[in-house]
Amino acid sequence: ESTLPNGEPAVVLVERADNGLFATMGGFVDVGETVETAVARELMEETGLELASPPSLLGVWSDPRRDKRRHTVSAVFVAPGKGKIRAR
């Protein structure tokens, strides 16, 4: 979640490199990294936004067919961002 210039909340989507479709941003937690740190890092890497407050857990998904690379567990967080969105 971020804020539009008019102050309204917004959901930020990113364009996936593998298929060109839009999706919520995501990534993996690095070894030795907390989930909270990973959320802040991924938000900055993918959008240029800073984490404005601690993330809240939205849900957990674990369908083994979801990712062709390997079985992954997705923990989805909602968090407000601050700053200007960086276009790629």
N, C-alpha and C. Protein backbone atom coordinates (compact mmCIF):
# COMPACT_ATOMS: atom_id res chain seq x y z
N GLU A 1 0.86 -1.18 0.00
CA GLU A 1 0.00 0.00 0.00
C GLU A 1 0.89 1.23 0.00
N SER A 2 0.54 2.20 -0.74
CA SER A 2 1.26 3.47 -0.77
C SER A 2 0.21 4.57 -0.85
N THR A 3 0.65 5.77 -1.08
CA THR A 3 -0.27 6.90 -1.18
C THR A 3 -0.07 7.59 -2.51
N LEU A 4 -1.17 7.88 -3.17
CA LEU A 4 -1.13 8.64 -4.41
C LEU A 4 -0.86 10.11 -4.08
N PRO A 5 -0.46 10.91 -5.07
CA PRO A 5 -0.22 12.33 -4.81
C PRO A 5 -1.41 13.05 -4.17
N ASN A 6 -2.64 12.56 -4.39
CA ASN A 6 -3.81 13.21 -3.80
C ASN A 6 -4.07 12.73 -2.37
N GLY A 7 -3.20 11.86 -1.83
CA GLY A 7 -3.34 11.40 -0.46
C GLY A 7 -4.15 10.13 -0.29
N GLU A 8 -4.72 9.61 -1.38
CA GLU A 8 -5.52 8.39 -1.31
C GLU A 8 -4.61 7.16 -1.23
N PRO A 9 -5.00 6.14 -0.43
CA PRO A 9 -4.20 4.91 -0.40
C PRO A 9 -4.27 4.19 -1.74
N ALA A 10 -3.23 3.43 -2.05
CA ALA A 10 -3.16 2.71 -3.33
C ALA A 10 -2.39 1.42 -3.15
N VAL A 11 -2.70 0.44 -3.96
CA VAL A 11 -1.94 -0.80 -4.01
C VAL A 11 -0.93 -0.67 -5.14
N VAL A 12 0.32 -0.99 -4.86
CA VAL A 12 1.38 -0.88 -5.86
C VAL A 12 1.58 -2.24 -6.51
N LEU A 13 1.50 -2.27 -7.84
CA LEU A 13 1.77 -3.48 -8.61
C LEU A 13 3.07 -3.31 -9.37
N VAL A 14 3.75 -4.42 -9.60
CA VAL A 14 4.97 -4.41 -10.39
C VAL A 14 4.78 -5.32 -11.60
N GLU A 15 5.52 -5.05 -12.67
CA GLU A 15 5.44 -5.90 -13.85
C GLU A 15 6.42 -7.06 -13.69
N ARG A 16 5.92 -8.28 -13.81
CA ARG A 16 6.77 -9.46 -13.65
C ARG A 16 7.72 -9.58 -14.83
N ALA A 17 8.97 -9.93 -14.55
CA ALA A 17 9.97 -10.10 -15.60
C ALA A 17 9.74 -11.37 -16.40
N ASP A 18 9.13 -12.40 -15.78
CA ASP A 18 9.00 -13.70 -16.46
C ASP A 18 7.84 -13.77 -17.44
N ASN A 19 6.77 -13.00 -17.20
CA ASN A 19 5.61 -13.11 -18.10
C ASN A 19 4.99 -11.77 -18.50
N GLY A 20 5.53 -10.67 -17.98
CA GLY A 20 5.03 -9.35 -18.35
C GLY A 20 3.72 -8.95 -17.71
N LEU A 21 3.16 -9.81 -16.86
CA LEU A 21 1.90 -9.50 -16.19
C LEU A 21 2.17 -8.67 -14.93
N PHE A 22 1.14 -7.98 -14.44
CA PHE A 22 1.28 -7.21 -13.23
C PHE A 22 0.90 -8.05 -12.02
N ALA A 23 1.62 -7.85 -10.93
CA ALA A 23 1.40 -8.61 -9.71
C ALA A 23 1.83 -7.78 -8.51
N THR A 24 1.45 -8.23 -7.34
CA THR A 24 2.00 -7.59 -6.14
C THR A 24 3.47 -7.96 -6.08
N MET A 25 4.28 -7.10 -5.49
CA MET A 25 5.71 -7.36 -5.43
C MET A 25 6.01 -8.50 -4.47
N GLY A 26 7.18 -9.08 -4.62
CA GLY A 26 7.55 -10.17 -3.74
C GLY A 26 9.00 -10.54 -3.92
N GLY A 27 9.43 -11.49 -3.12
CA GLY A 27 10.80 -11.96 -3.19
C GLY A 27 11.04 -12.98 -2.10
N PHE A 28 12.27 -13.33 -1.92
CA PHE A 28 12.64 -14.34 -0.94
C PHE A 28 13.33 -13.70 0.25
N VAL A 29 13.22 -14.36 1.40
CA VAL A 29 13.93 -13.94 2.61
C VAL A 29 15.34 -14.50 2.50
N ASP A 30 16.35 -13.65 2.65
CA ASP A 30 17.73 -14.10 2.61
C ASP A 30 18.08 -14.84 3.90
N VAL A 31 19.06 -15.73 3.82
CA VAL A 31 19.53 -16.46 5.00
C VAL A 31 20.00 -15.45 6.05
N GLY A 32 19.52 -15.60 7.28
CA GLY A 32 19.90 -14.71 8.37
C GLY A 32 19.09 -13.43 8.44
N GLU A 33 18.13 -13.24 7.55
CA GLU A 33 17.33 -12.02 7.48
C GLU A 33 15.97 -12.26 8.12
N THR A 34 15.45 -11.28 8.83
CA THR A 34 14.10 -11.39 9.38
C THR A 34 13.09 -11.11 8.27
N VAL A 35 11.87 -11.59 8.45
CA VAL A 35 10.80 -11.34 7.49
C VAL A 35 10.57 -9.83 7.36
N GLU A 36 10.58 -9.13 8.47
CA GLU A 36 10.34 -7.67 8.45
C GLU A 36 11.41 -6.95 7.63
N THR A 37 12.66 -7.37 7.80
CA THR A 37 13.75 -6.77 7.03
C THR A 37 13.61 -7.10 5.55
N ALA A 38 13.19 -8.34 5.25
CA ALA A 38 12.99 -8.73 3.85
C ALA A 38 11.89 -7.91 3.19
N VAL A 39 10.80 -7.67 3.92
CA VAL A 39 9.70 -6.85 3.38
C VAL A 39 10.22 -5.45 3.04
N ALA A 40 10.96 -4.85 3.95
CA ALA A 40 11.50 -3.50 3.72
C ALA A 40 12.47 -3.50 2.54
N ARG A 41 13.34 -4.51 2.46
CA ARG A 41 14.33 -4.59 1.38
C ARG A 41 13.63 -4.78 0.03
N GLU A 42 12.69 -5.71 -0.05
CA GLU A 42 11.99 -5.97 -1.30
C GLU A 42 11.18 -4.75 -1.76
N LEU A 43 10.54 -4.08 -0.81
CA LEU A 43 9.78 -2.87 -1.15
C LEU A 43 10.70 -1.82 -1.77
N MET A 44 11.87 -1.62 -1.18
CA MET A 44 12.83 -0.63 -1.70
C MET A 44 13.38 -1.08 -3.06
N GLU A 45 13.77 -2.35 -3.17
CA GLU A 45 14.35 -2.86 -4.42
C GLU A 45 13.37 -2.78 -5.59
N GLU A 46 12.12 -3.10 -5.34
CA GLU A 46 11.16 -3.21 -6.44
C GLU A 46 10.38 -1.93 -6.73
N THR A 47 10.30 -1.02 -5.76
CA THR A 47 9.49 0.18 -5.98
C THR A 47 10.20 1.49 -5.66
N GLY A 48 11.29 1.43 -4.87
CA GLY A 48 11.95 2.65 -4.43
C GLY A 48 11.30 3.26 -3.20
N LEU A 49 10.26 2.61 -2.67
CA LEU A 49 9.56 3.13 -1.49
C LEU A 49 10.20 2.61 -0.21
N GLU A 50 10.15 3.41 0.84
CA GLU A 50 10.58 2.98 2.17
C GLU A 50 9.37 2.44 2.92
N LEU A 51 9.63 1.55 3.85
CA LEU A 51 8.58 1.02 4.71
C LEU A 51 8.22 2.09 5.73
N ALA A 52 6.94 2.50 5.78
CA ALA A 52 6.51 3.59 6.65
C ALA A 52 6.18 3.11 8.06
N SER A 53 5.79 1.84 8.20
CA SER A 53 5.49 1.27 9.52
C SER A 53 5.60 -0.25 9.39
N PRO A 54 5.63 -0.97 10.50
CA PRO A 54 5.79 -2.43 10.42
C PRO A 54 4.71 -3.09 9.56
N PRO A 55 5.10 -4.13 8.82
CA PRO A 55 4.14 -4.83 7.96
C PRO A 55 3.18 -5.69 8.78
N SER A 56 1.97 -5.90 8.24
CA SER A 56 0.97 -6.77 8.85
C SER A 56 0.77 -7.99 7.97
N LEU A 57 0.70 -9.16 8.57
CA LEU A 57 0.51 -10.39 7.81
C LEU A 57 -0.92 -10.46 7.27
N LEU A 58 -1.05 -10.64 5.95
CA LEU A 58 -2.36 -10.78 5.31
C LEU A 58 -2.76 -12.25 5.23
N GLY A 59 -1.83 -13.12 4.89
CA GLY A 59 -2.14 -14.53 4.77
C GLY A 59 -0.93 -15.34 4.35
N VAL A 60 -1.08 -16.67 4.38
CA VAL A 60 -0.01 -17.59 3.99
C VAL A 60 -0.59 -18.59 2.99
N TRP A 61 0.14 -18.81 1.88
CA TRP A 61 -0.28 -19.74 0.84
C TRP A 61 0.85 -20.73 0.58
N SER A 62 0.48 -22.00 0.31
CA SER A 62 1.53 -23.02 0.16
C SER A 62 1.20 -24.09 -0.87
N ASP A 63 0.41 -23.78 -1.87
CA ASP A 63 0.08 -24.76 -2.91
C ASP A 63 1.37 -25.19 -3.61
N PRO A 64 1.72 -26.47 -3.57
CA PRO A 64 2.98 -26.92 -4.18
C PRO A 64 3.04 -26.73 -5.70
N ARG A 65 1.92 -26.48 -6.34
CA ARG A 65 1.90 -26.25 -7.80
C ARG A 65 2.10 -24.80 -8.17
N ARG A 66 2.13 -23.90 -7.20
CA ARG A 66 2.18 -22.47 -7.46
C ARG A 66 3.46 -22.02 -8.15
N ASP A 67 4.60 -22.57 -7.78
CA ASP A 67 5.89 -22.13 -8.32
C ASP A 67 6.58 -23.32 -8.97
N LYS A 68 6.86 -23.22 -10.26
CA LYS A 68 7.47 -24.33 -10.98
C LYS A 68 8.92 -24.59 -10.56
N ARG A 69 9.57 -23.59 -9.98
CA ARG A 69 10.97 -23.75 -9.59
C ARG A 69 11.13 -24.69 -8.41
N ARG A 70 10.24 -24.58 -7.43
CA ARG A 70 10.29 -25.41 -6.23
C ARG A 70 9.06 -25.11 -5.39
N HIS A 71 8.81 -25.95 -4.41
CA HIS A 71 7.69 -25.70 -3.50
C HIS A 71 8.05 -24.53 -2.60
N THR A 72 7.25 -23.50 -2.67
CA THR A 72 7.48 -22.32 -1.85
C THR A 72 6.27 -22.05 -0.97
N VAL A 73 6.52 -21.37 0.13
CA VAL A 73 5.46 -20.89 1.01
C VAL A 73 5.47 -19.38 0.89
N SER A 74 4.34 -18.79 0.58
CA SER A 74 4.24 -17.34 0.42
C SER A 74 3.54 -16.74 1.62
N ALA A 75 4.25 -15.88 2.33
CA ALA A 75 3.66 -15.11 3.41
C ALA A 75 3.43 -13.71 2.85
N VAL A 76 2.18 -13.28 2.79
CA VAL A 76 1.84 -12.01 2.16
C VAL A 76 1.60 -10.96 3.24
N PHE A 77 2.28 -9.83 3.08
CA PHE A 77 2.19 -8.74 4.05
C PHE A 77 1.61 -7.50 3.41
N VAL A 78 0.97 -6.68 4.22
CA VAL A 78 0.48 -5.37 3.81
C VAL A 78 1.26 -4.35 4.62
N ALA A 79 1.76 -3.35 3.94
CA ALA A 79 2.55 -2.33 4.63
C ALA A 79 2.47 -1.01 3.89
N PRO A 80 2.37 0.08 4.61
CA PRO A 80 2.39 1.39 3.94
C PRO A 80 3.80 1.76 3.53
N GLY A 81 3.91 2.35 2.36
CA GLY A 81 5.20 2.83 1.88
C GLY A 81 5.23 4.34 1.91
N LYS A 82 6.46 4.88 1.91
CA LYS A 82 6.60 6.32 1.82
C LYS A 82 7.71 6.65 0.84
N GLY A 83 7.57 7.78 0.21
CA GLY A 83 8.54 8.20 -0.78
C GLY A 83 7.91 8.25 -2.16
N LYS A 84 8.75 8.33 -3.17
CA LYS A 84 8.27 8.37 -4.55
C LYS A 84 8.52 7.02 -5.19
N ILE A 85 7.50 6.52 -5.90
CA ILE A 85 7.66 5.27 -6.60
C ILE A 85 8.62 5.44 -7.76
N ARG A 86 9.57 4.53 -7.81
CA ARG A 86 10.60 4.57 -8.87
C ARG A 86 10.13 3.71 -10.03
N ALA A 87 10.06 4.27 -11.19
CA ALA A 87 9.70 3.51 -12.39
C ALA A 87 10.94 2.82 -12.90
N ARG A 88 10.74 1.64 -13.44
CA ARG A 88 11.89 0.91 -14.01
C ARG A 88 12.09 1.26 -15.44
